[in-house]
Amino acid sequence: MANHVESRPCGLRAQAWWGDQLVAESTATVLVEAPGRPPALYFPCSDIRLDLVGPDMLWRVTHDTPEVGWLSDYAAFDHDRVRVELIDEMDGDDARDVTVKRFPTWGDASHLVDILDVRPDGEGSYVGVARSQERRPVVEGSQMLGQAIVAAGRHAPGRRAVSAHMVFMRPADARQSLRFDLEDLSAGRTFTTLAVHVSQDGRRCAVATLLLDQTAPDVIRHAAAPPATVGPYESEPCDMSVTGRDVRVVDGAYTGDPNAPAGPPVLDAWVRFREVPDDPCLHAGLLAHFTGHLSIAAALRPHEGVGQSEAHRTLSTAVNAIAIAFHGEVRADRWMLYHHLSTFAGDGMTHSECRVHDQAGGLLASFAVDAMVRRFEGDRTTPDERTAL
């Protein structure tokens, strides 16, 4: 074990499967994380069918130290050989709200809220905490957008973001914190305009402009109708490695398989977070965070023989810019329908025009995503997928 080991109760029911056989089930697992190592989920040995698994499938603590010696009565499975799953549910949940997330996960929705909840760091500056996974320690562009929206709301209390545009210039390391420096461009009686510069280790990663407003009573009102599609419980749960966040894709249309049947350049997904603090900035930030997740997949969908599983391996893909307009108060702890429509793909770029509706059909936000899809140059066909764009 490495130094600075962190451990905490998982809090969710966990299961381990050897093929189709359940070999462990527990509500008392412990999540152990150490720098430079993938997370491990330790089951009490009393909850493991030791007669069904070989010792080469288990990790055991073999030395007694104050940090991990107490884990001597626990064991973790080799995740490459044994399928470990978390039953993502809370007491009182309807059976329809229960989903399964495969371990190791990126983390919980509470970790995502913590990342978006940027902290003041001097006049007009904020910093975000870092959280990474060993599989791919690269910050999502839409995370930076969500953090900038939260920072702007903290900077101009009483006004909400109505428009934001962010361009991503270079990748950021998820293992290090990000800095957000806000520049006041104008501050009128109702509107505030800000520039936000995102940097890491003194290097600028992204830049944004945001418009905030006090809002006013309607003079006129209309909104685009939601797509004619099924609801969240008629859609297929999608495991995106975050517990406490429920993602359901209409018709199960999201797949990274290059051999999947081609379809229209459209992806509809329902998203809801289990618990979010009563803070409008965080709700808006969470909506913005998901804007970078599916637009490239929508662009790939009509093209046979190309799939998102090739991203960062043979395909260089990344979101280059996101523009978003908010049309009302957001509640990320209620179902939100993300409608992604890719209107163009070519010249190594894609463009998508997207909307977010609430479950009643109300239009919460509109956003557009510009992204790249390119082959790696020369003989670079097997890059390091953990960091390659």
Protein backbone atom coordinates (compact mmCIF):
# COMPACT_ATOMS: atom_id res chain seq x y z
CA MET A 1 0.00 0.00 0.00
CA ALA A 2 1.13 3.54 -0.73
CA ASN A 3 1.28 6.33 1.80
CA HIS A 4 -1.69 8.66 2.30
CA VAL A 5 -4.17 5.83 2.02
CA GLU A 6 -7.77 7.01 2.34
CA SER A 7 -10.57 4.67 3.31
CA ARG A 8 -14.26 5.14 3.97
CA PRO A 9 -17.41 3.03 4.05
CA CYS A 10 -18.84 2.63 0.58
CA GLY A 11 -22.43 3.11 1.74
CA LEU A 12 -23.96 1.07 -1.10
CA ARG A 13 -24.73 -2.60 -1.40
CA ALA A 14 -21.99 -4.31 -3.38
CA GLN A 15 -21.92 -7.62 -5.26
CA ALA A 16 -19.13 -9.63 -6.85
CA TRP A 17 -19.77 -12.04 -9.71
CA TRP A 18 -17.64 -14.85 -11.09
CA GLY A 19 -19.40 -15.31 -14.41
CA ASP A 20 -23.06 -15.74 -13.50
CA GLN A 21 -22.34 -16.87 -9.96
CA LEU A 22 -22.68 -14.45 -7.04
CA VAL A 23 -19.56 -14.92 -4.90
CA ALA A 24 -19.91 -11.98 -2.51
CA GLU A 25 -22.57 -9.54 -1.35
CA SER A 26 -22.20 -6.93 1.36
CA THR A 27 -23.51 -3.64 2.72
CA ALA A 28 -20.31 -3.14 4.74
CA THR A 29 -17.63 -2.76 2.06
CA VAL A 30 -14.81 -0.26 2.45
CA LEU A 31 -13.50 1.92 -0.38
CA VAL A 32 -9.72 2.32 -0.28
CA GLU A 33 -7.89 4.89 -2.41
CA ALA A 34 -4.16 5.58 -2.61
CA PRO A 35 -2.23 7.96 -4.94
CA GLY A 36 -1.15 6.30 -8.16
CA ARG A 37 -3.33 3.24 -7.66
CA PRO A 38 -6.81 2.35 -8.84
CA PRO A 39 -9.45 2.36 -6.09
CA ALA A 40 -10.19 -0.93 -4.37
CA LEU A 41 -13.40 -2.13 -2.76
CA TYR A 42 -12.79 -4.39 0.23
CA PHE A 43 -15.45 -6.90 1.26
CA PRO A 44 -15.60 -8.38 4.77
CA CYS A 45 -14.29 -11.94 4.41
CA SER A 46 -17.44 -13.12 6.18
CA ASP A 47 -19.46 -11.88 3.17
CA ILE A 48 -17.33 -13.71 0.57
CA ARG A 49 -17.98 -17.26 -0.64
CA LEU A 50 -14.34 -18.22 -0.20
CA ASP A 51 -15.16 -21.75 -1.32
CA LEU A 52 -16.08 -20.39 -4.77
CA VAL A 53 -13.12 -18.12 -5.49
CA GLY A 54 -9.43 -18.89 -5.71
CA PRO A 55 -6.82 -16.95 -3.73
CA ASP A 56 -5.43 -15.54 -6.98
CA MET A 57 -8.68 -13.61 -7.43
CA LEU A 58 -8.38 -11.80 -4.10
CA TRP A 59 -6.18 -9.05 -2.71
CA ARG A 60 -5.41 -9.31 0.98
CA VAL A 61 -3.56 -6.99 3.35
CA THR A 62 -0.38 -8.88 4.25
CA HIS A 63 1.27 -6.47 6.68
CA ASP A 64 0.06 -4.62 9.73
CA THR A 65 0.29 -0.83 9.62
CA PRO A 66 -1.88 1.79 11.35
CA GLU A 67 -3.29 2.82 7.98
CA VAL A 68 -4.45 -0.53 6.65
CA GLY A 69 -3.81 -3.18 9.27
CA TRP A 70 -7.46 -3.16 10.30
CA LEU A 71 -8.30 -4.49 6.79
CA SER A 72 -6.86 -7.92 7.63
CA ASP A 73 -10.40 -9.30 7.84
CA TYR A 74 -11.28 -7.89 4.41
CA ALA A 75 -10.43 -8.81 0.83
CA ALA A 76 -10.75 -7.10 -2.54
CA PHE A 77 -11.34 -8.81 -5.88
CA ASP A 78 -9.22 -8.62 -9.00
CA HIS A 79 -11.56 -6.41 -11.06
CA ASP A 80 -10.19 -7.76 -14.33
CA ARG A 81 -11.37 -11.26 -13.43
CA VAL A 82 -14.33 -10.71 -11.11
CA ARG A 83 -17.18 -8.33 -11.92
CA VAL A 84 -17.83 -6.05 -8.97
CA GLU A 85 -21.02 -3.99 -8.97
CA LEU A 86 -22.56 -1.29 -6.77
CA ILE A 87 -26.33 -1.26 -6.35
CA ASP A 88 -27.04 2.45 -6.64
CA GLU A 89 -30.01 2.96 -4.36
CA MET A 90 -31.05 4.77 -1.20
CA ASP A 91 -33.54 3.81 1.47
CA GLY A 92 -37.05 4.47 0.21
CA ASP A 93 -36.14 4.45 -3.49
CA ASP A 94 -38.73 3.21 -5.90
CA ALA A 95 -37.56 0.02 -7.60
CA ARG A 96 -37.54 1.91 -10.90
CA ASP A 97 -34.87 4.26 -9.54
CA VAL A 98 -32.37 1.52 -8.67
CA THR A 99 -29.46 1.12 -11.09
CA VAL A 100 -26.20 -0.81 -11.15
CA LYS A 101 -22.76 0.76 -11.55
CA ARG A 102 -19.70 -1.36 -12.23
CA PHE A 103 -16.75 -0.83 -9.90
CA PRO A 104 -14.32 0.88 -10.05
CA THR A 105 -16.35 4.04 -10.57
CA TRP A 106 -15.10 7.57 -11.03
CA GLY A 107 -16.85 8.49 -7.80
CA ASP A 108 -20.18 9.72 -6.48
CA ALA A 109 -22.34 12.65 -7.53
CA SER A 110 -21.33 14.31 -4.25
CA HIS A 111 -17.73 14.36 -5.52
CA LEU A 112 -18.90 16.06 -8.70
CA VAL A 113 -20.80 18.66 -6.68
CA ASP A 114 -17.66 19.25 -4.61
CA ILE A 115 -15.59 19.80 -7.77
CA LEU A 116 -18.10 22.27 -9.21
CA ASP A 117 -18.37 24.15 -5.91
CA VAL A 118 -15.28 26.31 -6.54
CA ARG A 119 -13.66 28.08 -3.57
CA PRO A 120 -12.72 31.78 -3.34
CA ASP A 121 -8.99 32.41 -3.65
CA GLY A 122 -8.47 36.15 -3.60
CA GLU A 123 -10.37 38.98 -5.27
CA GLY A 124 -12.15 37.69 -8.37
CA SER A 125 -10.43 34.30 -8.28
CA TYR A 126 -11.62 30.79 -7.46
CA VAL A 127 -10.06 27.34 -7.33
CA GLY A 128 -11.60 23.92 -7.81
CA VAL A 129 -10.61 20.77 -5.99
CA ALA A 130 -9.04 17.98 -8.02
CA ARG A 131 -10.38 14.47 -8.42
CA SER A 132 -9.02 11.95 -10.87
CA GLN A 133 -9.23 8.37 -11.96
CA GLU A 134 -6.28 6.33 -13.12
CA ARG A 135 -8.06 5.28 -16.30
CA ARG A 136 -8.12 8.79 -17.77
CA PRO A 137 -6.85 11.75 -15.69
CA VAL A 138 -8.02 14.44 -18.14
CA VAL A 139 -10.50 17.16 -17.16
CA GLU A 140 -13.68 17.22 -19.22
CA GLY A 141 -14.22 20.55 -20.92
CA SER A 142 -17.81 20.71 -19.74
CA GLN A 143 -16.56 20.39 -16.16
CA MET A 144 -14.61 23.64 -16.60
CA LEU A 145 -17.72 25.25 -18.08
CA GLY A 146 -19.80 24.16 -15.08
CA GLN A 147 -17.17 25.44 -12.65
CA ALA A 148 -17.02 28.80 -14.47
CA ILE A 149 -20.81 29.14 -14.22
CA VAL A 150 -20.66 28.48 -10.47
CA ALA A 151 -17.78 30.95 -10.05
CA ALA A 152 -19.71 33.62 -11.96
CA GLY A 153 -22.76 33.08 -9.77
CA ARG A 154 -20.62 33.44 -6.64
CA HIS A 155 -19.03 36.59 -8.07
CA ALA A 156 -22.35 38.27 -8.96
CA PRO A 157 -24.87 37.08 -6.35
CA GLY A 158 -28.51 37.71 -7.17
CA ARG A 159 -27.94 37.26 -10.89
CA ARG A 160 -28.05 34.01 -12.80
CA ALA A 161 -26.11 32.97 -15.86
CA VAL A 162 -28.23 33.28 -18.99
CA SER A 163 -25.48 32.77 -21.56
CA ALA A 164 -21.99 31.29 -21.53
CA HIS A 165 -19.45 30.41 -24.19
CA MET A 166 -16.20 28.59 -23.45
CA VAL A 167 -13.33 27.59 -25.75
CA PHE A 168 -10.93 24.86 -24.62
CA MET A 169 -7.35 25.52 -25.70
CA ARG A 170 -5.32 22.74 -24.06
CA PRO A 171 -6.01 19.70 -21.90
CA ALA A 172 -5.98 19.97 -18.12
CA ASP A 173 -4.71 17.33 -15.69
CA ALA A 174 -7.50 16.05 -13.44
CA ARG A 175 -4.95 15.30 -10.71
CA GLN A 176 -4.30 19.03 -10.21
CA SER A 177 -6.58 21.88 -9.22
CA LEU A 178 -7.80 24.51 -11.66
CA ARG A 179 -7.82 28.27 -11.16
CA PHE A 180 -10.62 30.55 -12.38
CA ASP A 181 -9.80 34.26 -12.70
CA LEU A 182 -12.81 36.47 -13.38
CA GLU A 183 -12.63 39.79 -15.21
CA ASP A 184 -15.52 42.26 -14.99
CA LEU A 185 -16.32 43.47 -18.51
CA SER A 186 -19.49 45.33 -17.51
CA ALA A 187 -21.79 45.55 -14.49
CA GLY A 188 -25.04 47.35 -15.21
CA ARG A 189 -28.27 47.61 -13.27
CA THR A 190 -29.54 44.27 -14.56
CA PHE A 191 -26.78 42.63 -16.62
CA THR A 192 -23.24 41.57 -15.72
CA THR A 193 -20.69 40.46 -18.30
CA LEU A 194 -17.63 38.49 -17.22
CA ALA A 195 -14.58 36.95 -18.83
CA VAL A 196 -13.30 33.83 -17.11
CA HIS A 197 -9.74 32.57 -17.60
CA VAL A 198 -9.10 28.96 -16.57
CA SER A 199 -5.51 28.00 -15.86
CA GLN A 200 -3.39 25.24 -14.38
CA ASP A 201 0.26 25.62 -13.37
CA GLY A 202 0.22 29.09 -14.93
CA ARG A 203 -0.90 27.81 -18.34
CA ARG A 204 -4.27 28.86 -19.69
CA CYS A 205 -6.54 25.91 -20.50
CA ALA A 206 -9.81 27.63 -21.40
CA VAL A 207 -11.45 31.03 -21.67
CA ALA A 208 -15.11 31.97 -21.40
CA THR A 209 -17.49 34.91 -21.58
CA LEU A 210 -20.63 34.86 -19.47
CA LEU A 211 -23.73 37.03 -19.35
CA LEU A 212 -25.67 37.18 -16.09
CA ASP A 213 -29.08 38.79 -15.57
CA GLN A 214 -31.52 39.66 -12.82
CA THR A 215 -34.29 38.56 -15.27
CA ALA A 216 -37.60 40.36 -15.74
CA PRO A 217 -41.31 39.59 -16.12
CA ASP A 218 -42.45 38.15 -19.44
CA VAL A 219 -43.47 40.43 -22.28
CA ILE A 220 -43.65 37.48 -24.66
CA ARG A 221 -42.93 33.77 -24.14
CA HIS A 222 -42.57 30.70 -26.32
CA ALA A 223 -40.24 27.72 -26.33
CA ALA A 224 -39.32 24.82 -28.59
CA ALA A 225 -41.25 21.67 -27.86
CA PRO A 226 -39.46 18.61 -26.49
CA PRO A 227 -38.75 15.71 -28.84
CA ALA A 228 -41.44 13.06 -29.08
CA THR A 229 -39.76 10.36 -27.06
CA VAL A 230 -40.31 7.99 -24.16
CA GLY A 231 -39.77 8.91 -20.54
CA PRO A 232 -36.86 8.05 -18.24
CA TYR A 233 -38.28 4.78 -16.94
CA GLU A 234 -38.89 3.53 -20.47
CA SER A 235 -35.28 4.33 -21.39
CA GLU A 236 -32.21 2.15 -20.87
CA PRO A 237 -29.96 2.85 -17.84
CA CYS A 238 -26.43 3.79 -18.88
CA ASP A 239 -23.49 3.24 -16.55
CA MET A 240 -21.25 6.32 -16.72
CA SER A 241 -19.28 5.43 -13.58
CA VAL A 242 -20.87 7.93 -11.19
CA THR A 243 -23.08 6.73 -8.36
CA GLY A 244 -25.84 9.11 -7.33
CA ARG A 245 -26.33 10.18 -10.96
CA ASP A 246 -28.89 8.35 -13.08
CA VAL A 247 -28.40 8.43 -16.86
CA ARG A 248 -30.96 6.75 -19.14
CA VAL A 249 -30.59 6.70 -22.92
CA VAL A 250 -33.68 6.56 -25.11
CA ASP A 251 -33.77 3.31 -27.14
CA GLY A 252 -30.36 2.35 -25.70
CA ALA A 253 -28.90 4.28 -28.65
CA TYR A 254 -25.59 5.18 -26.98
CA THR A 255 -22.95 2.60 -27.79
CA GLY A 256 -19.26 2.81 -28.50
CA ASP A 257 -19.31 -0.28 -30.71
CA PRO A 258 -18.11 0.50 -34.27
CA ASN A 259 -20.19 -2.46 -35.47
CA ALA A 260 -23.44 -1.17 -33.98
CA PRO A 261 -26.18 -0.42 -36.51
CA ALA A 262 -26.06 3.08 -37.92
CA GLY A 263 -28.79 5.50 -36.91
CA PRO A 264 -29.74 9.16 -37.15
CA PRO A 265 -27.32 11.73 -35.67
CA VAL A 266 -29.54 12.06 -32.59
CA LEU A 267 -29.13 10.95 -28.98
CA ASP A 268 -31.69 11.59 -26.25
CA ALA A 269 -30.75 10.98 -22.63
CA TRP A 270 -32.49 11.54 -19.32
CA VAL A 271 -30.27 12.68 -16.44
CA ARG A 272 -30.99 13.18 -12.74
CA PHE A 273 -28.84 13.62 -9.64
CA ARG A 274 -29.93 12.05 -6.38
CA GLU A 275 -29.02 14.87 -4.01
CA VAL A 276 -27.97 18.44 -4.80
CA PRO A 277 -27.58 21.29 -2.28
CA ASP A 278 -30.19 24.03 -2.49
CA ASP A 279 -27.91 26.29 -4.52
CA PRO A 280 -29.07 27.48 -7.98
CA CYS A 281 -25.48 27.91 -9.17
CA LEU A 282 -24.68 24.25 -8.52
CA HIS A 283 -27.85 23.07 -10.27
CA ALA A 284 -26.93 25.13 -13.34
CA GLY A 285 -23.34 23.89 -13.16
CA LEU A 286 -24.48 20.27 -13.08
CA LEU A 287 -26.68 20.80 -16.14
CA ALA A 288 -23.71 22.36 -17.95
CA HIS A 289 -21.37 19.55 -16.89
CA PHE A 290 -23.30 16.96 -18.91
CA THR A 291 -23.30 19.04 -22.11
CA GLY A 292 -19.96 17.56 -23.18
CA HIS A 293 -20.88 13.90 -22.80
CA LEU A 294 -22.86 12.75 -25.86
CA SER A 295 -22.57 15.21 -28.74
CA ILE A 296 -19.61 13.43 -30.37
CA ALA A 297 -21.42 10.10 -30.02
CA ALA A 298 -24.42 11.62 -31.81
CA ALA A 299 -22.14 12.71 -34.67
CA LEU A 300 -20.60 9.23 -34.98
CA ARG A 301 -23.91 7.38 -34.92
CA PRO A 302 -24.79 7.61 -38.67
CA HIS A 303 -21.39 6.31 -39.77
CA GLU A 304 -20.83 2.56 -39.94
CA GLY A 305 -17.51 1.20 -38.81
CA VAL A 306 -16.74 4.15 -36.49
CA GLY A 307 -17.50 4.09 -32.78
CA GLN A 308 -16.69 6.03 -29.67
CA SER A 309 -14.74 3.09 -28.25
CA GLU A 310 -12.00 4.19 -30.69
CA ALA A 311 -11.73 7.60 -29.02
CA HIS A 312 -8.23 8.32 -27.68
CA ARG A 313 -6.99 5.07 -29.27
CA THR A 314 -7.23 5.46 -33.05
CA LEU A 315 -9.46 8.55 -33.10
CA SER A 316 -8.43 11.93 -31.74
CA THR A 317 -11.60 13.38 -30.24
CA ALA A 318 -12.24 16.35 -27.97
CA VAL A 319 -14.78 19.08 -27.33
CA ASN A 320 -13.39 22.41 -28.57
CA ALA A 321 -16.14 24.83 -27.55
CA ILE A 322 -19.52 24.88 -25.84
CA ALA A 323 -22.09 27.69 -25.97
CA ILE A 324 -25.06 27.47 -23.62
CA ALA A 325 -28.12 29.60 -22.89
CA PHE A 326 -30.21 29.05 -19.76
CA HIS A 327 -33.93 29.72 -20.06
CA GLY A 328 -34.99 29.31 -16.43
CA GLU A 329 -34.13 27.95 -13.05
CA VAL A 330 -32.65 24.46 -13.12
CA ARG A 331 -33.36 21.56 -10.78
CA ALA A 332 -30.73 18.93 -11.45
CA ASP A 333 -32.30 16.63 -8.85
CA ARG A 334 -35.28 16.22 -11.19
CA TRP A 335 -35.27 14.47 -14.56
CA MET A 336 -33.70 16.48 -17.40
CA LEU A 337 -33.95 15.36 -21.04
CA TYR A 338 -30.85 16.15 -23.13
CA HIS A 339 -31.66 16.17 -26.85
CA HIS A 340 -28.48 16.01 -28.98
CA LEU A 341 -28.67 16.66 -32.73
CA SER A 342 -25.44 16.63 -34.75
CA THR A 343 -26.05 18.98 -37.67
CA PHE A 344 -22.63 18.64 -39.31
CA ALA A 345 -19.58 16.37 -39.43
CA GLY A 346 -16.65 16.96 -41.77
CA ASP A 347 -13.20 18.52 -42.11
CA GLY A 348 -12.25 16.84 -38.85
CA MET A 349 -14.96 18.73 -36.93
CA THR A 350 -18.51 18.13 -35.72
CA HIS A 351 -21.25 20.53 -34.68
CA SER A 352 -24.28 19.70 -32.53
CA GLU A 353 -27.33 21.75 -31.61
CA CYS A 354 -28.90 20.56 -28.40
CA ARG A 355 -31.64 21.30 -25.89
CA VAL A 356 -32.45 20.37 -22.31
CA HIS A 357 -36.08 19.94 -21.20
CA ASP A 358 -37.62 19.12 -17.86
CA GLN A 359 -39.92 16.13 -17.49
CA ALA A 360 -42.98 18.30 -18.10
CA GLY A 361 -41.51 19.47 -21.42
CA GLY A 362 -40.34 22.91 -20.33
CA LEU A 363 -37.19 24.19 -22.04
CA LEU A 364 -34.41 24.64 -19.47
CA ALA A 365 -31.43 25.34 -21.71
CA SER A 366 -30.10 25.30 -25.27
CA PHE A 367 -26.50 24.53 -26.11
CA ALA A 368 -24.19 23.99 -29.06
CA VAL A 369 -21.00 21.92 -29.13
CA ASP A 370 -18.09 22.12 -31.54
CA ALA A 371 -15.77 19.10 -31.37
CA MET A 372 -13.06 17.37 -33.36
CA VAL A 373 -12.95 13.82 -34.73
CA ARG A 374 -9.66 13.01 -36.46
CA ARG A 375 -7.33 10.11 -37.07
CA PHE A 376 -4.05 10.21 -35.21
CA GLU A 377 -1.30 11.38 -37.54
CA GLY A 378 1.36 9.14 -39.04
CA ASP A 379 1.89 5.81 -37.32
CA ARG A 380 0.43 6.99 -34.02
CA THR A 381 -2.30 4.39 -33.98
CA THR A 382 -1.77 3.17 -30.41
CA PRO A 383 -1.40 6.31 -28.27
CA ASP A 384 -1.74 6.33 -24.50
CA GLU A 385 -5.53 6.42 -24.26
CA ARG A 386 -5.33 7.69 -20.67
CA THR A 387 -4.20 11.13 -21.82
CA ALA A 388 -4.57 11.25 -25.63
CA LEU A 389 -7.15 13.58 -27.10
